[in-house]
Amino acid sequence: MGLGSRTPFMTTPITASATALVKPSATDVWQVMRRFDDLSWTRGAVEEILIEGAGVGMIRRVRTAGSDEWIAERLVELDDDRMTFSYVIEGDGMPDIDNYRATATTTPTEEGTEIRWDLAATTDATHKAASTQLLEAMSSGMVHLFAAQFNTCGSLADEGN
């Protein structure tokens, strides 16, 4: 869900993070990750993608496999120096979740590159456990699907609040 469109009572913050370690350099990984318009790495999880615009402000409309619903994701930050981007989900894209924001980052390490996917959103107190579990599964799934295209060294940590 996006930007408080459902109910004014969705004020409980929830977060989740996942990381993976890959062998290629952070610069090489970032050159692939920064392409907000390319979800080929999702390996069938995304059925269809439509792109509107370019750069910060662009919208990526995504339809996942087995769904007739579209999710609109707007790129709100793209920082090549820090090797990070952030996007938000607009409209009613996720049941029981508002103010969804994802941030993906690549960081150089001695072993290669850490890929990190941080998710934050709000929900109401009655949906906190289920919504947190959903964010945890999403962050872990995204980071591991993305890392799988590289020589994966291993998983670092998955954490949720």
Protein backbone atom coordinates (compact mmCIF):
# COMPACT_ATOMS: atom_id res chain seq x y z
CA MET A 1 0.00 0.00 0.00
CA GLY A 2 1.31 3.38 -0.42
CA LEU A 3 1.37 6.70 1.21
CA GLY A 4 -1.39 6.35 3.78
CA SER A 5 -4.26 5.79 1.36
CA ARG A 6 -6.11 3.12 3.34
CA THR A 7 -6.57 4.24 6.92
CA PRO A 8 -5.16 6.85 9.28
CA PHE A 9 -4.52 4.14 11.92
CA MET A 10 -1.56 2.48 10.17
CA THR A 11 1.10 3.98 12.37
CA THR A 12 3.05 0.97 13.65
CA PRO A 13 6.49 0.98 12.00
CA ILE A 14 7.88 -2.31 10.72
CA THR A 15 11.26 -3.08 9.16
CA ALA A 16 13.22 -5.96 7.70
CA SER A 17 16.73 -6.31 6.31
CA ALA A 18 18.63 -9.01 4.50
CA THR A 19 22.18 -9.23 3.22
CA ALA A 20 24.21 -11.51 1.00
CA LEU A 21 27.88 -11.64 0.17
CA VAL A 22 29.09 -12.07 -3.43
CA LYS A 23 32.59 -12.30 -4.92
CA PRO A 24 32.53 -9.59 -7.65
CA SER A 25 33.58 -6.03 -6.80
CA ALA A 26 31.02 -3.59 -5.44
CA THR A 27 31.46 -1.47 -8.57
CA ASP A 28 30.61 -4.42 -10.82
CA VAL A 29 27.61 -5.43 -8.69
CA TRP A 30 26.38 -1.83 -8.53
CA GLN A 31 26.43 -1.51 -12.34
CA VAL A 32 23.83 -4.31 -12.44
CA MET A 33 21.88 -3.30 -9.32
CA ARG A 34 21.43 0.36 -10.30
CA ARG A 35 19.26 -0.65 -13.30
CA PHE A 36 15.85 -0.08 -11.73
CA ASP A 37 14.22 -0.89 -15.07
CA ASP A 38 15.70 -4.42 -15.24
CA LEU A 39 14.18 -7.19 -13.14
CA SER A 40 15.50 -10.09 -15.23
CA TRP A 41 17.28 -11.38 -12.12
CA THR A 42 13.93 -12.24 -10.47
CA ARG A 43 13.90 -15.56 -12.38
CA GLY A 44 10.22 -15.81 -13.13
CA ALA A 45 8.91 -14.13 -9.98
CA VAL A 46 7.95 -11.11 -12.09
CA GLU A 47 5.48 -11.85 -14.87
CA GLU A 48 5.49 -8.43 -16.49
CA ILE A 49 7.10 -5.01 -16.03
CA LEU A 50 6.18 -1.63 -17.50
CA ILE A 51 8.48 1.39 -17.19
CA GLU A 52 7.34 5.02 -17.18
CA GLY A 53 10.03 7.70 -17.32
CA ALA A 54 13.73 7.44 -16.55
CA GLY A 55 15.99 8.13 -13.57
CA VAL A 56 14.75 9.34 -10.20
CA GLY A 57 10.97 9.67 -10.36
CA MET A 58 10.51 6.82 -12.85
CA ILE A 59 7.76 4.32 -12.15
CA ARG A 60 8.22 0.58 -12.47
CA ARG A 61 4.87 -1.22 -12.68
CA VAL A 62 5.29 -4.87 -11.74
CA ARG A 63 2.93 -7.82 -12.04
CA THR A 64 4.18 -10.85 -10.15
CA ALA A 65 3.74 -14.41 -11.36
CA GLY A 66 0.26 -15.74 -10.67
CA SER A 67 -1.25 -12.32 -9.98
CA ASP A 68 -3.50 -10.02 -11.96
CA GLU A 69 -2.59 -7.06 -9.72
CA TRP A 70 0.01 -4.44 -10.61
CA ILE A 71 2.33 -2.84 -8.06
CA ALA A 72 3.63 0.66 -8.85
CA GLU A 73 7.15 1.30 -7.55
CA ARG A 74 8.63 4.82 -7.82
CA LEU A 75 12.39 5.34 -7.76
CA VAL A 76 13.00 8.11 -5.19
CA GLU A 77 16.79 7.95 -4.82
CA LEU A 78 19.68 6.77 -6.98
CA ASP A 79 23.16 7.54 -5.63
CA ASP A 80 26.06 6.16 -7.67
CA ASP A 81 28.67 7.43 -5.20
CA ARG A 82 27.10 5.61 -2.25
CA MET A 83 25.94 2.71 -4.50
CA THR A 84 22.38 2.81 -3.21
CA PHE A 85 18.85 3.36 -4.48
CA SER A 86 15.46 3.64 -2.81
CA TYR A 87 11.94 3.18 -4.07
CA VAL A 88 8.44 3.43 -2.66
CA ILE A 89 5.25 1.57 -3.49
CA GLU A 90 2.44 3.87 -4.54
CA GLY A 91 -1.28 3.26 -4.28
CA ASP A 92 -2.84 0.12 -2.86
CA GLY A 93 -0.07 -2.30 -3.84
CA MET A 94 0.23 -4.20 -0.56
CA PRO A 95 -2.61 -5.26 1.73
CA ASP A 96 -2.32 -3.99 5.32
CA ILE A 97 0.91 -2.09 4.58
CA ASP A 98 1.42 1.64 3.99
CA ASN A 99 4.45 3.87 3.48
CA TYR A 100 6.55 1.06 2.01
CA ARG A 101 10.13 2.06 1.24
CA ALA A 102 12.92 -0.21 0.04
CA THR A 103 16.61 0.66 -0.04
CA ALA A 104 19.16 -1.51 -1.85
CA THR A 105 22.87 -1.00 -1.25
CA THR A 106 26.17 -2.52 -2.33
CA THR A 107 29.20 -2.21 -0.04
CA PRO A 108 32.76 -3.39 -0.69
CA THR A 109 34.13 -5.99 1.74
CA GLU A 110 37.39 -7.94 1.97
CA GLU A 111 35.56 -10.97 0.54
CA GLY A 112 33.84 -9.11 -2.31
CA THR A 113 30.58 -7.21 -1.95
CA GLU A 114 27.77 -7.09 0.58
CA ILE A 115 24.34 -6.67 -1.00
CA ARG A 116 21.75 -5.29 1.43
CA TRP A 117 18.00 -4.84 1.03
CA ASP A 118 16.28 -2.79 3.76
CA LEU A 119 12.50 -2.50 3.87
CA ALA A 120 10.43 -0.17 6.03
CA ALA A 121 6.69 0.40 6.19
CA THR A 122 3.80 1.04 8.53
CA THR A 123 0.87 -1.13 9.45
CA ASP A 124 -1.73 -1.20 12.19
CA ALA A 125 -1.00 -3.01 15.44
CA THR A 126 -3.33 -5.92 14.60
CA HIS A 127 -1.31 -6.75 11.45
CA LYS A 128 2.20 -6.11 12.80
CA ALA A 129 3.31 -9.75 13.10
CA ALA A 130 2.01 -10.85 9.70
CA SER A 131 3.19 -7.70 7.94
CA THR A 132 6.66 -7.96 9.51
CA GLN A 133 6.86 -11.59 8.41
CA LEU A 134 5.93 -10.54 4.87
CA LEU A 135 8.63 -7.83 4.81
CA GLU A 136 11.21 -10.30 6.13
CA ALA A 137 10.36 -12.79 3.39
CA MET A 138 10.46 -10.05 0.75
CA SER A 139 13.84 -8.62 1.81
CA SER A 140 15.40 -12.06 2.04
CA GLY A 141 13.90 -13.15 -1.27
CA MET A 142 15.00 -10.03 -3.12
CA VAL A 143 18.56 -9.98 -1.84
CA HIS A 144 19.09 -13.69 -2.48
CA LEU A 145 17.53 -13.65 -5.95
CA PHE A 146 19.70 -10.69 -6.87
CA ALA A 147 22.86 -12.26 -5.39
CA ALA A 148 22.23 -15.57 -7.18
CA GLN A 149 23.32 -14.06 -10.50
CA PHE A 150 26.82 -13.60 -9.03
CA ASN A 151 29.18 -16.05 -7.38
CA THR A 152 27.47 -16.18 -4.00
CA CYS A 153 29.83 -16.53 -1.05
CA GLY A 154 27.05 -16.86 1.48
CA SER A 155 24.33 -15.14 3.43
CA LEU A 156 25.19 -12.71 6.17
CA ALA A 157 22.07 -11.88 8.16
CA ASP A 158 18.33 -11.49 7.88
CA GLU A 159 16.67 -9.35 10.49
CA GLY A 160 13.22 -7.87 11.07
CA ASN A 161 11.47 -5.73 13.65
